Protein backbone atom coordinates (compact mmCIF):
# COMPACT_ATOMS: atom_id res chain seq x y z
CA UNK A 1 127.03 119.86 84.04
CA UNK A 2 128.30 122.67 86.03
CA UNK A 3 129.82 121.71 89.38
CA UNK A 4 132.03 118.62 88.41
CA UNK A 5 133.71 117.31 85.24
CA UNK A 6 133.00 113.73 84.15
CA UNK A 7 136.72 113.01 83.75
CA UNK A 8 137.30 114.19 87.32
CA UNK A 9 134.43 111.86 88.61
CA UNK A 10 135.95 108.78 86.75
CA UNK A 11 139.50 109.68 87.90
CA UNK A 12 138.52 110.19 91.50
CA UNK A 13 136.49 107.10 91.56
CA UNK A 14 139.40 104.83 90.84
CA UNK A 15 137.85 101.97 89.12
CA UNK A 16 134.91 103.93 87.89
CA UNK A 17 132.59 101.19 87.75
CA UNK A 18 129.20 102.61 87.23
CA UNK A 19 127.27 100.51 89.77
CA UNK A 20 125.75 97.01 89.36
CA UNK A 21 123.70 96.15 86.27
CA UNK A 22 120.13 95.67 87.29
CA UNK A 23 118.66 92.28 86.84
CA UNK A 24 115.95 91.63 84.29
CA UNK A 25 113.22 91.84 87.03
CA UNK A 26 114.52 95.19 88.16
CA UNK A 27 114.90 96.61 84.67
CA UNK A 28 111.48 95.26 83.42
CA UNK A 29 108.85 98.13 83.10
CA UNK A 30 106.54 98.46 86.16
CA UNK A 31 103.32 100.28 86.54
CA UNK A 32 104.02 103.73 87.48
CA UNK A 33 102.61 107.31 86.56
CA UNK A 34 104.53 108.97 83.88
CA UNK A 35 105.94 112.43 84.54
CA UNK A 36 104.28 115.46 82.89
CA UNK A 37 106.44 118.46 82.48
CA UNK A 38 104.86 121.49 84.16
CA UNK A 39 106.79 123.66 81.80
CA UNK A 40 105.44 121.97 78.69
CA UNK A 41 101.87 122.01 80.04
CA UNK A 42 101.96 125.63 81.03
CA UNK A 43 103.32 126.52 77.59
CA UNK A 44 100.95 124.44 75.74
CA UNK A 45 97.92 126.07 77.66
CA UNK A 46 99.44 129.41 76.94
CA UNK A 47 99.62 128.74 73.15
CA UNK A 48 96.20 127.29 73.05
CA UNK A 49 94.59 130.06 74.80
CA UNK A 50 96.27 132.66 72.55
CA UNK A 51 95.16 130.59 69.36
CA UNK A 52 91.51 130.39 70.69
CA UNK A 53 91.32 134.13 71.51
CA UNK A 54 92.81 134.87 67.83
CA UNK A 55 90.28 132.48 66.20
CA UNK A 56 87.34 133.77 68.12
CA UNK A 57 88.21 137.51 67.10
CA UNK A 58 88.49 136.13 63.32
CA UNK A 59 85.30 134.17 63.60
CA UNK A 60 83.28 137.20 65.18
CA UNK A 61 84.55 139.43 62.41
CA UNK A 62 83.68 137.04 59.73
CA UNK A 63 80.10 136.58 61.02
CA UNK A 64 79.36 140.10 62.10
CA UNK A 65 81.41 142.47 60.03
CA UNK A 66 82.89 140.96 56.98
CA UNK A 67 81.91 143.05 53.90
CA UNK A 68 80.00 145.62 56.13
CA UNK A 69 82.98 147.74 57.13
CA UNK A 70 85.15 150.41 55.28
CA UNK A 71 88.37 149.81 57.21
CA UNK A 72 89.10 146.25 57.97
CA UNK A 73 92.60 147.12 59.04
CA UNK A 74 91.45 148.54 62.34
CA UNK A 75 89.72 145.16 63.15
CA UNK A 76 92.80 143.21 62.00
CA UNK A 77 94.95 145.25 64.49
CA UNK A 78 92.50 144.67 67.21
CA UNK A 79 92.28 140.89 66.51
CA UNK A 80 96.04 140.59 66.72
CA UNK A 81 96.44 142.91 69.67
CA UNK A 82 93.99 141.26 72.01
CA UNK A 83 95.51 137.68 72.17
CA UNK A 84 99.11 139.23 72.36
CA UNK A 85 98.28 141.60 75.34
CA UNK A 86 95.85 139.16 77.18
CA UNK A 87 98.30 136.31 77.10
CA UNK A 88 101.23 138.74 78.13
CA UNK A 89 99.28 140.19 81.08
CA UNK A 90 98.04 136.66 82.08
CA UNK A 91 101.63 135.58 82.15
CA UNK A 92 102.65 138.45 84.15
CA UNK A 93 99.88 137.77 86.65
CA UNK A 94 100.94 134.16 87.11
CA UNK A 95 98.09 132.68 85.46
CA UNK A 96 100.34 130.07 83.59
CA UNK A 97 101.92 128.70 86.57
CA UNK A 98 100.95 125.27 87.55
CA UNK A 99 99.95 126.44 91.06
CA UNK A 100 97.31 128.81 89.62
CA UNK A 101 96.03 126.09 87.12
CA UNK A 102 95.29 123.63 90.07
CA UNK A 103 92.27 125.72 91.40
CA UNK A 104 89.67 127.33 89.30
CA UNK A 105 89.11 130.45 91.44
CA UNK A 106 92.80 131.24 91.51
CA UNK A 107 93.13 130.96 87.78
CA UNK A 108 89.67 132.80 87.12
CA UNK A 109 90.55 135.87 89.08
CA UNK A 110 94.01 136.37 87.21
CA UNK A 111 92.33 135.60 83.84
CA UNK A 112 89.56 138.06 84.42
CA UNK A 113 92.00 140.80 85.45
CA UNK A 114 94.09 140.27 82.35
CA UNK A 115 91.08 140.05 80.08
CA UNK A 116 89.47 143.35 81.39
CA UNK A 117 92.86 145.13 81.30
CA UNK A 118 93.39 144.10 77.77
CA UNK A 119 90.00 145.61 76.48
CA UNK A 120 90.78 148.68 78.54
CA UNK A 121 94.14 149.05 76.72
CA UNK A 122 92.34 148.43 73.46
CA UNK A 123 89.66 150.97 74.13
CA UNK A 124 92.35 153.58 74.90
CA UNK A 125 94.32 152.79 71.84
CA UNK A 126 91.12 153.30 69.63
CA UNK A 127 90.24 156.61 71.42
CA UNK A 128 93.75 157.96 71.08
CA UNK A 129 94.09 156.92 67.51
CA UNK A 130 90.54 158.55 66.90
CA UNK A 131 89.25 155.08 65.62
CA UNK A 132 86.55 154.58 68.40
CA UNK A 133 83.60 156.11 66.31
CA UNK A 134 84.68 153.86 63.24
CA UNK A 135 84.66 150.52 65.44
CA UNK A 136 81.56 148.46 66.05
CA UNK A 137 80.76 148.50 69.83
CA UNK A 138 78.61 145.56 69.25
CA UNK A 139 81.65 143.60 68.01
CA UNK A 140 83.79 144.81 70.78
CA UNK A 141 81.20 143.79 73.50
CA UNK A 142 80.50 140.27 71.92
CA UNK A 143 84.35 139.79 71.65
CA UNK A 144 84.71 140.61 75.30
CA UNK A 145 81.80 138.60 76.55
CA UNK A 146 82.20 135.51 74.48
CA UNK A 147 86.03 135.55 75.01
CA UNK A 148 85.53 135.78 78.81
CA UNK A 149 83.12 132.88 78.85
CA UNK A 150 85.47 130.85 76.64
CA UNK A 151 88.49 131.52 78.98
CA UNK A 152 86.38 130.65 82.07
CA UNK A 153 85.13 127.47 80.62
CA UNK A 154 88.58 126.39 79.47
CA UNK A 155 90.08 127.22 82.93
CA UNK A 156 87.42 125.06 84.74
CA UNK A 157 88.28 122.02 82.45
CA UNK A 158 92.08 122.81 82.87
CA UNK A 159 91.70 122.96 86.70
CA UNK A 160 89.76 119.63 86.84
CA UNK A 161 92.28 117.85 84.60
CA UNK A 162 95.25 119.32 86.52
CA UNK A 163 93.91 118.39 89.77
CA UNK A 164 93.29 114.75 88.58
CA UNK A 165 96.70 114.62 87.14
CA UNK A 166 98.14 116.04 90.35
CA UNK A 167 96.39 113.19 92.33
CA UNK A 168 97.85 110.50 90.02
CA UNK A 169 101.36 112.05 90.68
CA UNK A 170 102.03 113.21 87.26
CA UNK A 171 103.55 116.38 88.34
CA UNK A 172 105.59 115.10 91.23
CA UNK A 173 109.31 115.24 91.17
CA UNK A 174 110.11 111.98 92.64
CA UNK A 175 113.27 112.76 94.61
CA UNK A 176 115.84 110.57 96.51
CA UNK A 177 118.01 111.94 99.24
CA UNK A 178 121.45 110.78 99.25
CA UNK A 179 123.13 111.07 102.74
CA UNK A 180 121.38 110.94 106.20
CA UNK A 181 122.11 112.48 109.51
CA UNK A 182 121.26 115.93 110.83
CA UNK A 183 122.02 117.43 107.31
CA UNK A 184 119.53 115.00 105.67
CA UNK A 185 116.81 115.77 108.32
CA UNK A 186 117.36 119.50 107.83
CA UNK A 187 117.07 119.34 104.15
CA UNK A 188 113.82 117.22 104.25
CA UNK A 189 112.27 119.55 106.97
CA UNK A 190 112.96 122.61 104.55
CA UNK A 191 111.32 120.83 101.65
CA UNK A 192 108.31 119.90 103.57
CA UNK A 193 107.81 123.24 104.99
CA UNK A 194 107.08 124.58 101.35
CA UNK A 195 103.82 124.12 99.54
CA UNK A 196 103.72 123.59 95.75
CA UNK A 197 107.30 122.51 95.24
CA UNK A 198 106.18 119.29 93.55
CA UNK A 199 108.91 117.40 95.44
CA UNK A 200 107.94 114.05 96.54
CA UNK A 201 110.64 112.25 98.50
CA UNK A 202 110.81 108.54 97.82
CA UNK A 203 113.46 107.61 100.50
CA UNK A 204 116.95 108.09 101.62
CA UNK A 205 120.10 106.34 100.27
CA UNK A 206 123.45 106.27 102.30
CA UNK A 207 126.75 104.69 101.74
CA UNK A 208 127.52 104.78 105.40
CA UNK A 209 126.81 101.78 107.75
CA UNK A 210 127.70 103.19 111.28
CA UNK A 211 125.44 104.92 113.76
CA UNK A 212 125.40 108.15 111.49
CA UNK A 213 123.13 106.28 109.11
CA UNK A 214 119.97 105.39 110.84
CA UNK A 215 117.18 103.30 109.33
CA UNK A 216 114.76 106.39 109.09
CA UNK A 217 115.72 110.03 108.41
CA UNK A 218 112.95 112.57 109.16
CA UNK A 219 110.35 109.80 108.86
CA UNK A 220 111.71 108.43 105.42
CA UNK A 221 113.13 104.90 105.30
CA UNK A 222 116.67 104.15 104.36
CA UNK A 223 116.36 102.15 101.10
CA UNK A 224 120.07 101.22 100.75
CA UNK A 225 123.32 102.46 99.53
CA UNK A 226 124.24 104.24 96.23
CA UNK A 227 124.45 100.93 94.33
CA UNK A 228 120.97 100.25 95.50
CA UNK A 229 119.86 103.60 94.28
CA UNK A 230 121.18 102.89 90.71
CA UNK A 231 118.98 99.69 90.68
CA UNK A 232 116.05 101.53 92.16
CA UNK A 233 116.32 104.30 89.26
CA UNK A 234 116.28 101.65 86.64
CA UNK A 235 113.01 100.02 87.91
CA UNK A 236 111.08 103.02 89.38
CA UNK A 237 110.46 106.56 88.10
CA UNK A 238 112.94 108.93 89.80
CA UNK A 239 113.45 112.51 88.65
CA UNK A 240 115.91 114.01 91.01
CA UNK A 241 118.60 113.11 93.43
CA UNK A 242 119.79 115.67 96.07
CA UNK A 243 123.07 115.03 97.94
CA UNK A 244 123.11 116.34 101.53
CA UNK A 245 126.78 115.69 101.89
CA UNK A 246 128.98 118.73 102.43
CA UNK A 247 130.86 119.91 99.42
CA UNK A 248 134.02 119.57 101.45
CA UNK A 249 133.69 115.69 101.22
CA UNK A 250 134.76 116.01 97.57
CA UNK A 251 136.32 112.53 97.29
CA UNK A 252 133.22 110.80 98.70
CA UNK A 253 130.96 112.84 96.43
CA UNK A 254 132.99 111.97 93.31
CA UNK A 255 133.01 108.29 94.18
CA UNK A 256 129.22 108.33 94.28
CA UNK A 257 128.69 110.41 91.35
CA UNK A 258 130.82 107.95 89.34
CA UNK A 259 127.89 105.57 89.94
CA UNK A 260 125.07 107.91 89.50
CA UNK A 261 126.01 109.97 86.44
CA UNK A 262 124.95 107.22 84.15
CA UNK A 263 121.28 107.87 85.14
CA UNK A 264 118.98 110.12 83.12
CA UNK A 265 118.35 112.03 86.27
CA UNK A 266 118.85 115.61 87.62
CA UNK A 267 121.57 115.57 90.28
CA UNK A 268 121.83 118.31 92.77
CA UNK A 269 123.98 119.21 95.74
CA UNK A 270 122.23 120.82 98.61
CA UNK A 271 123.68 124.13 99.76
CA UNK A 272 120.91 124.51 102.49
CA UNK A 273 123.30 123.91 105.36
CA UNK A 274 126.60 124.71 103.68
CA UNK A 275 128.79 127.30 105.26
CA UNK A 276 129.98 128.38 101.79
CA UNK A 277 127.93 131.32 100.76
CA UNK A 278 127.77 132.20 97.11
CA UNK A 279 125.75 134.78 95.14
CA UNK A 280 122.04 133.84 94.79
CA UNK A 281 122.44 133.57 90.98
CA UNK A 282 124.98 130.80 91.69
CA UNK A 283 122.27 128.49 92.85
CA UNK A 284 119.13 126.96 91.51
CA UNK A 285 116.25 126.48 93.90
CA UNK A 286 113.88 123.78 94.87
CA UNK A 287 111.24 126.21 96.09
CA UNK A 288 113.27 128.42 98.22
CA UNK A 289 116.04 125.76 99.25
CA UNK A 290 119.36 126.40 97.33
CA UNK A 291 121.10 123.78 95.54
CA UNK A 292 124.13 123.57 93.10
CA UNK A 293 123.42 121.81 89.80
CA UNK A 294 125.73 118.83 89.20
CA UNK A 295 124.01 116.96 86.31
CA UNK A 296 120.76 117.65 84.30
CA UNK A 297 118.77 115.29 82.27
CA UNK A 298 120.30 115.53 78.75
CA UNK A 299 116.98 116.05 77.17
CA UNK A 300 114.08 117.39 79.17
CA UNK A 301 110.80 119.55 78.94
CA UNK A 302 110.30 121.12 75.46
CA UNK A 303 113.41 119.40 74.07
CA UNK A 304 111.61 116.03 74.64
CA UNK A 305 108.51 117.30 72.76
CA UNK A 306 110.62 118.63 69.83
CA UNK A 307 112.84 115.56 69.50
CA UNK A 308 109.77 113.19 69.68
CA UNK A 309 107.94 115.23 67.17
CA UNK A 310 111.01 115.40 64.81
CA UNK A 311 111.42 111.71 65.17
CA UNK A 312 107.90 110.66 64.31
CA UNK A 313 107.48 113.09 61.41
CA UNK A 314 110.54 112.18 59.76
CA UNK A 315 110.24 108.47 60.24
CA UNK A 316 106.76 108.56 58.79
CA UNK A 317 107.97 110.47 55.72
CA UNK A 318 110.86 108.10 55.45
CA UNK A 319 108.60 105.02 55.59
CA UNK A 320 106.42 106.36 52.81
CA UNK A 321 109.55 107.33 50.60
CA UNK A 322 111.32 104.08 51.38
CA UNK A 323 108.47 101.66 51.13
CA UNK A 324 109.40 100.33 47.66
CA UNK A 325 112.77 99.56 48.90
CA UNK A 326 111.53 97.93 52.17
CA UNK A 327 109.14 95.69 50.18
CA UNK A 328 111.88 94.67 47.85
CA UNK A 329 114.28 93.70 50.65
CA UNK A 330 111.48 91.86 52.27
CA UNK A 331 110.96 89.86 49.21
CA UNK A 332 114.59 89.30 48.74
CA UNK A 333 114.85 87.89 52.35
CA UNK A 334 111.68 85.71 51.96
CA UNK A 335 112.61 84.23 48.60
CA UNK A 336 116.23 83.40 49.25
CA UNK A 337 116.04 81.74 52.57
CA UNK A 338 113.50 80.04 54.69
CA UNK A 339 112.16 81.70 57.80
CA UNK A 340 110.56 84.94 58.95
CA UNK A 341 111.27 88.20 57.15
CA UNK A 342 111.96 90.18 60.37
CA UNK A 343 114.52 89.53 63.02
CA UNK A 344 113.53 90.60 66.54
CA UNK A 345 116.15 91.10 69.27
CA UNK A 346 115.96 92.55 72.84
CA UNK A 347 118.28 95.30 73.45
CA UNK A 348 118.68 97.94 76.10
CA UNK A 349 116.84 101.24 75.48
CA UNK A 350 116.39 104.39 77.38
CA UNK A 351 117.48 103.97 81.03
CA UNK A 352 118.49 100.35 80.35
CA UNK A 353 114.81 99.32 79.76
CA UNK A 354 114.45 96.34 77.53
CA UNK A 355 112.97 96.84 74.09
CA UNK A 356 112.53 94.77 71.08
CA UNK A 357 114.33 96.02 67.98
CA UNK A 358 113.18 95.05 64.50
CA UNK A 359 115.56 94.21 61.60
CA UNK A 360 115.28 92.44 58.30
CA UNK A 361 116.67 89.01 58.90
CA UNK A 362 120.19 88.64 57.60
CA UNK A 363 121.14 85.21 58.92
CA UNK A 364 119.91 81.74 58.36
CA UNK A 365 117.13 81.18 60.64
CA UNK A 366 118.80 78.42 62.58
CA UNK A 367 121.89 80.28 63.15
CA UNK A 368 120.30 83.60 64.36
CA UNK A 369 121.85 84.99 67.71
CA UNK A 370 119.10 86.69 69.60
CA UNK A 371 121.32 87.68 72.37
CA UNK A 372 124.28 88.94 70.34
CA UNK A 373 126.73 86.59 72.21
CA UNK A 374 128.81 86.09 69.07
CA UNK A 375 129.63 89.10 67.03
CA UNK A 376 129.28 89.00 63.29
CA UNK A 377 132.65 88.96 61.55
CA UNK A 378 133.94 89.23 58.01
CA UNK A 379 132.88 86.26 55.97
CA UNK A 380 130.57 85.00 58.81
CA UNK A 381 128.95 81.68 57.52
CA UNK A 382 125.69 82.59 59.41
CA UNK A 383 125.00 85.46 57.19
CA UNK A 384 122.88 84.83 53.95
CA UNK A 385 124.04 86.24 50.69
CA UNK A 386 121.24 88.74 50.70
CA UNK A 387 121.96 89.49 54.39
CA UNK A 388 125.55 90.27 53.60
CA UNK A 389 124.40 92.94 51.16
CA UNK A 390 121.70 94.41 53.27
CA UNK A 391 124.16 94.54 56.42
CA UNK A 392 126.84 96.44 54.38
CA UNK A 393 124.37 98.96 53.08
CA UNK A 394 122.40 99.05 56.45
CA UNK A 395 119.18 98.16 54.67
CA UNK A 396 118.52 95.63 57.38
CA UNK A 397 117.88 98.53 59.94
CA UNK A 398 114.99 100.02 57.95
CA UNK A 399 112.31 98.31 59.99
CA UNK A 400 113.53 100.23 62.95
CA UNK A 401 111.63 103.23 61.51
CA UNK A 402 108.53 101.40 63.08
CA UNK A 403 110.42 101.25 66.41
CA UNK A 404 110.74 105.07 66.26
CA UNK A 405 106.96 105.55 65.49
CA UNK A 406 106.35 103.36 68.51
CA UNK A 407 108.64 105.44 70.64
CA UNK A 408 111.29 102.87 71.56
CA UNK A 409 113.99 104.39 69.43
CA UNK A 410 114.92 107.73 68.06
CA UNK A 411 116.18 108.55 64.68
CA UNK A 412 119.48 109.68 66.09
CA UNK A 413 121.09 108.48 69.20
CA UNK A 414 123.63 105.93 70.57
CA UNK A 415 123.00 102.54 68.72
CA UNK A 416 121.42 99.95 70.97
CA UNK A 417 123.56 97.01 71.36
CA UNK A 418 122.59 93.29 71.87
CA UNK A 419 122.41 92.15 75.53
CA UNK A 420 125.50 89.93 75.30
CA UNK A 421 127.72 92.09 72.99
CA UNK A 422 131.25 91.59 73.85
CA UNK A 423 134.70 93.05 72.90
CA UNK A 424 137.84 91.19 73.69
CA UNK A 425 135.51 88.51 75.21
CA UNK A 426 134.17 90.90 77.88
CA UNK A 427 130.85 92.43 78.00
CA UNK A 428 130.73 95.92 76.85
CA UNK A 429 129.87 97.45 80.24
CA UNK A 430 133.12 95.60 81.69
CA UNK A 431 135.28 97.15 78.89
CA UNK A 432 134.33 100.90 79.19
CA UNK A 433 133.90 102.96 82.25
CA UNK A 434 130.55 104.71 82.38
CA UNK A 435 129.32 102.65 79.31
CA UNK A 436 125.63 102.81 80.61
CA UNK A 437 125.79 106.59 80.42
CA UNK A 438 124.99 105.93 76.68
CA UNK A 439 121.39 105.06 77.90
CA UNK A 440 120.53 108.49 79.20
CA UNK A 441 118.78 109.10 76.05
CA UNK A 442 116.88 106.86 73.64
CA UNK A 443 119.01 104.83 71.34
CA UNK A 444 118.87 105.67 67.74
CA UNK A 445 118.97 104.08 64.18
CA UNK A 446 122.05 106.30 63.33
CA UNK A 447 124.35 108.39 65.48
CA UNK A 448 127.41 110.53 65.86
CA UNK A 449 129.69 107.47 66.21
CA UNK A 450 128.25 105.89 63.07
CA UNK A 451 128.81 108.87 60.65
CA UNK A 452 132.34 109.10 62.11
CA UNK A 453 133.25 105.62 61.12
CA UNK A 454 132.68 103.73 64.29
CA UNK A 455 129.89 101.50 63.08
CA UNK A 456 129.82 97.64 62.60
CA UNK A 457 132.26 95.49 64.29
CA UNK A 458 133.59 96.34 67.78
CA UNK A 459 136.03 93.52 68.43
CA UNK A 460 138.61 95.53 70.38
CA UNK A 461 138.31 97.70 73.58
CA UNK A 462 139.72 100.67 71.55
CA UNK A 463 136.96 100.58 69.05
CA UNK A 464 134.28 100.38 71.68
CA UNK A 465 135.80 103.17 73.62
CA UNK A 466 135.86 105.48 70.60
CA UNK A 467 132.13 104.66 69.90
CA UNK A 468 131.20 105.49 73.55
CA UNK A 469 133.19 108.58 73.42
CA UNK A 470 131.17 109.78 70.29
CA UNK A 471 127.95 108.76 71.98
CA UNK A 472 128.71 110.90 75.07
CA UNK A 473 129.69 113.78 72.83
CA UNK A 474 126.35 113.61 71.08
CA UNK A 475 124.42 113.39 74.51
CA UNK A 476 126.11 116.44 75.92
CA UNK A 477 125.61 118.45 72.81
CA UNK A 478 122.30 117.44 71.50
CA UNK A 479 120.14 119.75 69.44
CA UNK A 480 117.62 119.41 66.84
CA UNK A 481 120.07 120.84 64.36
CA UNK A 482 122.71 118.37 65.47
CA UNK A 483 120.27 115.53 64.75
CA UNK A 484 119.52 117.00 61.31
CA UNK A 485 123.31 117.23 60.45
CA UNK A 486 123.78 113.55 61.45
CA UNK A 487 120.72 112.43 59.46
CA UNK A 488 121.96 114.37 56.33
CA UNK A 489 125.36 112.80 56.76
CA UNK A 490 124.38 109.40 57.30
CA UNK A 491 123.81 108.44 53.61
CA UNK A 492 127.34 109.42 52.86
CA UNK A 493 128.68 107.49 55.81
CA UNK A 494 127.08 104.32 54.49
CA UNK A 495 129.84 104.08 51.72
CA UNK A 496 132.35 103.42 54.53
CA UNK A 497 131.77 99.72 54.85
CA UNK A 498 135.10 98.42 55.96
CA UNK A 499 133.74 97.64 59.56
CA UNK A 500 130.19 96.51 58.54
CA UNK A 501 129.80 92.82 57.85
């Protein structure tokens, strides 16, 4: 976050209440197109094309020349040079931008130019190095022709796929405008004058109820106030929030941000009509519209891919390695008390969506608490003897590895709490301001709070506050290395069992 500090937001807001908790109906998943990151798509296409060009050169060498040339080093250099140069030139020509990928002709022209320039450079290098007479012209010609055909066929497929996904709204940045009036109309008009920004305005939200807040702004309906925006973002896909409120209205902005910062959404402050003029590098841009960055999604684009791949690979390896332990625990649960082996409980996941978390059952079946209304305490009679052991050692959490494979949980993240969890007889979100900011990332099996001793019972506001502080620290400082550090530290943290019952 660059423009405001979270502590300032909560302090300026007074109560700091993070907006109303959406109802189950609002929080329930609805049919909507999932977003696709243009950055990830373009990067993936770039890697695939480079790999295909390299593979083609190796294949043609193996079929046409292997064992028939005296100096294979020349061909090895050419095979490496062609994909590196062609991809770099195509990148410089804009062939790996989403706009270019949408139409075949636009992409084809840029790829042909890059491909021809690459072979012109290769030919010049061979001549200057006095290697042209030692290089097979048939191989070069075949590499050029088949490579060009391969690239054109690939771009035709990509153009059709991108066009279909564009129609489905997968690349849209679904955007809510906060603030109406003339400033809102000017911003909307500026965004709509530009093509290929990917911005799709879903509506306007305004906290004012006077004549400055009309029912429609530049043709878009006013959908409610900021509280309604929080509920909307919990039930509908929303990627971006843009404030049109002048930066001089700092107190008003801070009060609204205190409700919105808990959402996993980019938040920007429009500088389009602002009198304050900063250097161009101080702004980010929606097309050519300048905005100030306030909040970013904690994990986006390639970070999402990296974390998802890391989670699933490590979870699968952990399931294979720990399968004997899991089988032993399952048998112990099954043989020592009647009822199912697994306990299923609804909890809040990413962006407050309801997920079903798996655990080995640790309580007597007729005393299980599916809502978490009553916290487990030391010597709790509801817990079975086997359950007491697996809870202290956290072996009851092992089935959540399957939640990770499914995509509901991450290996590392804030622990998902039961729906009715309480501290000092108050729901968690009523105890800690900004509690739902924990849900800006997927919950995890282990986390920064857990390895720092804040696992188990949270019977006091102070304990819960400390856990939330650690969770927010993790969210703001996430990296794959941070996840790895937490995972490697978790086994040692399990020896601290004073709060785990």
